[in-house]
């Protein structure tokens, strides 16, 4: 299983999350962001050296939808 991806879209597609991603801008190097949307909590990290995106972590939540949270 691939865990790092060259593009944000590839990382999101690996977990079927493209349709609920709320932003079009990419993450800055070394950043981790999270948000709740459509009953899912999603967190994704971008490596600070290579710029690659880690496979998103996501799970079901009863949390209300949020905006982007820098973690």
N, C-alpha and C. Protein backbone atom coordinates (compact mmCIF):
# COMPACT_ATOMS: atom_id res chain seq x y z
N UNK A 1 0.84 -1.18 0.00
CA UNK A 1 0.00 0.00 0.00
C UNK A 1 0.89 1.25 0.00
N UNK A 2 0.57 2.18 -0.87
CA UNK A 2 1.32 3.42 -0.97
C UNK A 2 0.88 4.38 0.13
N UNK A 3 1.85 4.99 0.82
CA UNK A 3 1.52 5.90 1.92
C UNK A 3 1.85 7.36 1.66
N UNK A 4 2.66 7.66 0.64
CA UNK A 4 3.00 9.04 0.29
C UNK A 4 2.72 9.27 -1.18
N UNK A 5 2.23 10.48 -1.49
CA UNK A 5 1.79 10.80 -2.84
C UNK A 5 2.35 12.16 -3.26
N UNK A 6 2.60 12.32 -4.55
CA UNK A 6 3.17 13.56 -5.07
C UNK A 6 2.17 14.71 -5.10
N UNK A 7 0.89 14.41 -5.21
CA UNK A 7 -0.12 15.47 -5.27
C UNK A 7 -1.18 15.26 -4.19
N UNK A 8 -1.81 16.36 -3.79
CA UNK A 8 -2.89 16.31 -2.82
C UNK A 8 -4.05 15.49 -3.38
N UNK A 9 -4.38 15.68 -4.65
CA UNK A 9 -5.48 14.92 -5.25
C UNK A 9 -5.22 13.43 -5.21
N UNK A 10 -3.99 13.01 -5.48
CA UNK A 10 -3.67 11.58 -5.42
C UNK A 10 -3.83 11.04 -4.01
N UNK A 11 -3.39 11.81 -3.01
CA UNK A 11 -3.53 11.37 -1.61
C UNK A 11 -5.00 11.25 -1.23
N UNK A 12 -5.80 12.26 -1.58
CA UNK A 12 -7.22 12.22 -1.27
C UNK A 12 -7.93 11.09 -2.01
N UNK A 13 -7.60 10.89 -3.26
CA UNK A 13 -8.21 9.81 -4.04
C UNK A 13 -7.90 8.44 -3.46
N UNK A 14 -6.75 8.29 -2.83
CA UNK A 14 -6.37 6.99 -2.26
C UNK A 14 -7.34 6.53 -1.18
N UNK A 15 -8.07 7.48 -0.57
CA UNK A 15 -9.05 7.16 0.47
C UNK A 15 -10.46 7.61 0.07
N UNK A 16 -10.67 7.88 -1.21
CA UNK A 16 -11.98 8.30 -1.74
C UNK A 16 -12.53 9.53 -1.03
N UNK A 17 -11.68 10.54 -0.84
CA UNK A 17 -12.06 11.75 -0.12
C UNK A 17 -12.13 13.01 -0.99
N UNK A 18 -11.91 12.88 -2.28
CA UNK A 18 -11.90 14.06 -3.15
C UNK A 18 -13.21 14.84 -3.10
N UNK A 19 -14.33 14.15 -2.99
CA UNK A 19 -15.62 14.83 -3.07
C UNK A 19 -15.98 15.63 -1.82
N UNK A 20 -15.28 15.43 -0.69
CA UNK A 20 -15.60 16.22 0.50
C UNK A 20 -14.48 17.16 0.92
N UNK A 21 -13.43 17.26 0.12
CA UNK A 21 -12.33 18.19 0.43
C UNK A 21 -12.81 19.61 0.22
N UNK A 22 -12.75 20.50 1.23
CA UNK A 22 -13.37 21.83 1.13
C UNK A 22 -12.51 22.92 0.50
N UNK A 23 -11.27 22.65 0.19
CA UNK A 23 -10.41 23.72 -0.32
C UNK A 23 -9.75 23.30 -1.62
N UNK A 24 -9.32 24.27 -2.39
CA UNK A 24 -8.60 23.98 -3.63
C UNK A 24 -7.11 24.23 -3.50
N UNK A 25 -6.70 24.99 -2.51
CA UNK A 25 -5.27 25.28 -2.31
C UNK A 25 -4.57 24.07 -1.69
N UNK A 26 -3.28 23.94 -1.97
CA UNK A 26 -2.52 22.85 -1.38
C UNK A 26 -2.00 23.24 0.00
N UNK A 27 -1.55 22.26 0.75
CA UNK A 27 -1.01 22.49 2.09
C UNK A 27 0.42 23.00 1.99
N UNK A 28 0.83 23.87 2.90
CA UNK A 28 2.24 24.28 2.94
C UNK A 28 3.13 23.11 3.38
N UNK A 29 4.38 23.13 3.01
CA UNK A 29 5.32 22.10 3.45
C UNK A 29 5.34 22.04 4.98
N UNK A 30 5.37 20.83 5.53
CA UNK A 30 5.48 20.62 6.96
C UNK A 30 4.19 20.84 7.73
N UNK A 31 3.07 21.02 7.04
CA UNK A 31 1.79 21.31 7.71
C UNK A 31 0.94 20.06 7.86
N UNK A 32 0.17 20.06 8.93
CA UNK A 32 -0.88 19.07 9.14
C UNK A 32 -2.17 19.84 9.33
N UNK A 33 -3.22 19.46 8.61
CA UNK A 33 -4.51 20.09 8.80
C UNK A 33 -5.55 19.02 9.03
N UNK A 34 -6.63 19.42 9.66
CA UNK A 34 -7.75 18.52 9.88
C UNK A 34 -9.04 19.29 9.77
N UNK A 35 -10.12 18.58 9.54
CA UNK A 35 -11.44 19.18 9.49
C UNK A 35 -12.49 18.09 9.55
N UNK A 36 -13.71 18.48 9.93
CA UNK A 36 -14.84 17.56 9.92
C UNK A 36 -15.77 17.99 8.79
N UNK A 37 -16.23 17.00 8.02
CA UNK A 37 -17.14 17.26 6.91
C UNK A 37 -17.92 16.00 6.60
N UNK A 38 -19.21 16.15 6.41
CA UNK A 38 -20.07 15.04 5.99
C UNK A 38 -19.93 13.81 6.89
N UNK A 39 -19.80 14.04 8.20
CA UNK A 39 -19.72 12.92 9.14
C UNK A 39 -18.36 12.23 9.19
N UNK A 40 -17.33 12.87 8.63
CA UNK A 40 -15.97 12.31 8.64
C UNK A 40 -15.02 13.32 9.26
N UNK A 41 -14.05 12.86 10.05
CA UNK A 41 -12.92 13.67 10.49
C UNK A 41 -11.77 13.28 9.58
N UNK A 42 -11.12 14.28 8.99
CA UNK A 42 -10.03 14.02 8.04
C UNK A 42 -8.81 14.82 8.48
N UNK A 43 -7.65 14.16 8.47
CA UNK A 43 -6.39 14.81 8.78
C UNK A 43 -5.38 14.40 7.72
N UNK A 44 -4.60 15.38 7.25
CA UNK A 44 -3.58 15.08 6.24
C UNK A 44 -2.33 15.90 6.52
N UNK A 45 -1.19 15.29 6.27
CA UNK A 45 0.12 15.89 6.53
C UNK A 45 0.89 16.01 5.22
N UNK A 46 1.64 17.11 5.08
CA UNK A 46 2.54 17.29 3.94
C UNK A 46 3.97 17.36 4.46
N UNK A 47 4.83 16.50 3.95
CA UNK A 47 6.21 16.42 4.39
C UNK A 47 6.93 17.75 4.17
N UNK A 48 7.70 18.16 5.15
CA UNK A 48 8.40 19.44 5.10
C UNK A 48 9.62 19.46 4.20
N UNK A 49 10.13 18.31 3.80
CA UNK A 49 11.32 18.25 2.96
C UNK A 49 10.96 17.88 1.52
N UNK A 50 10.23 16.79 1.35
CA UNK A 50 9.92 16.29 0.00
C UNK A 50 8.67 16.93 -0.60
N UNK A 51 7.80 17.47 0.26
CA UNK A 51 6.55 18.04 -0.23
C UNK A 51 5.48 17.01 -0.53
N UNK A 52 5.77 15.74 -0.30
CA UNK A 52 4.78 14.71 -0.56
C UNK A 52 3.69 14.72 0.50
N UNK A 53 2.51 14.25 0.11
CA UNK A 53 1.35 14.19 1.00
C UNK A 53 1.21 12.78 1.55
N UNK A 54 1.01 12.70 2.86
CA UNK A 54 0.79 11.41 3.49
C UNK A 54 -0.65 10.96 3.25
N UNK A 55 -0.86 9.65 3.20
CA UNK A 55 -2.20 9.11 3.06
C UNK A 55 -3.08 9.71 4.17
N UNK A 56 -4.24 10.26 3.83
CA UNK A 56 -5.08 10.89 4.85
C UNK A 56 -5.58 9.90 5.90
N UNK A 57 -5.68 10.38 7.12
CA UNK A 57 -6.31 9.63 8.20
C UNK A 57 -7.74 10.15 8.28
N UNK A 58 -8.72 9.24 8.34
CA UNK A 58 -10.10 9.68 8.44
C UNK A 58 -10.93 8.63 9.16
N UNK A 59 -11.97 9.09 9.81
CA UNK A 59 -12.88 8.19 10.51
C UNK A 59 -14.22 8.88 10.72
N UNK A 60 -15.24 8.09 11.03
CA UNK A 60 -16.58 8.61 11.27
C UNK A 60 -16.59 9.46 12.54
N UNK A 61 -17.39 10.52 12.52
CA UNK A 61 -17.54 11.38 13.68
C UNK A 61 -18.95 11.95 13.72
N UNK A 62 -19.38 12.30 14.90
CA UNK A 62 -20.66 12.99 15.06
C UNK A 62 -20.43 14.50 15.20
N UNK A 63 -19.19 14.91 15.08
CA UNK A 63 -18.81 16.33 15.17
C UNK A 63 -19.46 17.11 14.04
N UNK A 64 -19.88 18.33 14.34
CA UNK A 64 -20.41 19.21 13.30
C UNK A 64 -19.30 19.56 12.32
N UNK A 65 -19.67 19.88 11.08
CA UNK A 65 -18.69 20.28 10.08
C UNK A 65 -17.89 21.48 10.58
N UNK A 66 -16.61 21.50 10.28
CA UNK A 66 -15.73 22.59 10.69
C UNK A 66 -15.02 23.16 9.48
N UNK A 67 -14.35 24.26 9.68
CA UNK A 67 -13.43 24.76 8.68
C UNK A 67 -12.09 24.05 8.88
N UNK A 68 -11.10 24.45 8.14
CA UNK A 68 -9.76 23.87 8.25
C UNK A 68 -9.15 24.25 9.59
N UNK A 69 -8.57 23.27 10.26
CA UNK A 69 -7.89 23.48 11.54
C UNK A 69 -6.43 23.10 11.36
N UNK A 70 -5.52 24.04 11.59
CA UNK A 70 -4.09 23.72 11.51
C UNK A 70 -3.67 23.02 12.80
N UNK A 71 -3.17 21.81 12.66
CA UNK A 71 -2.81 21.00 13.81
C UNK A 71 -1.33 21.07 14.12
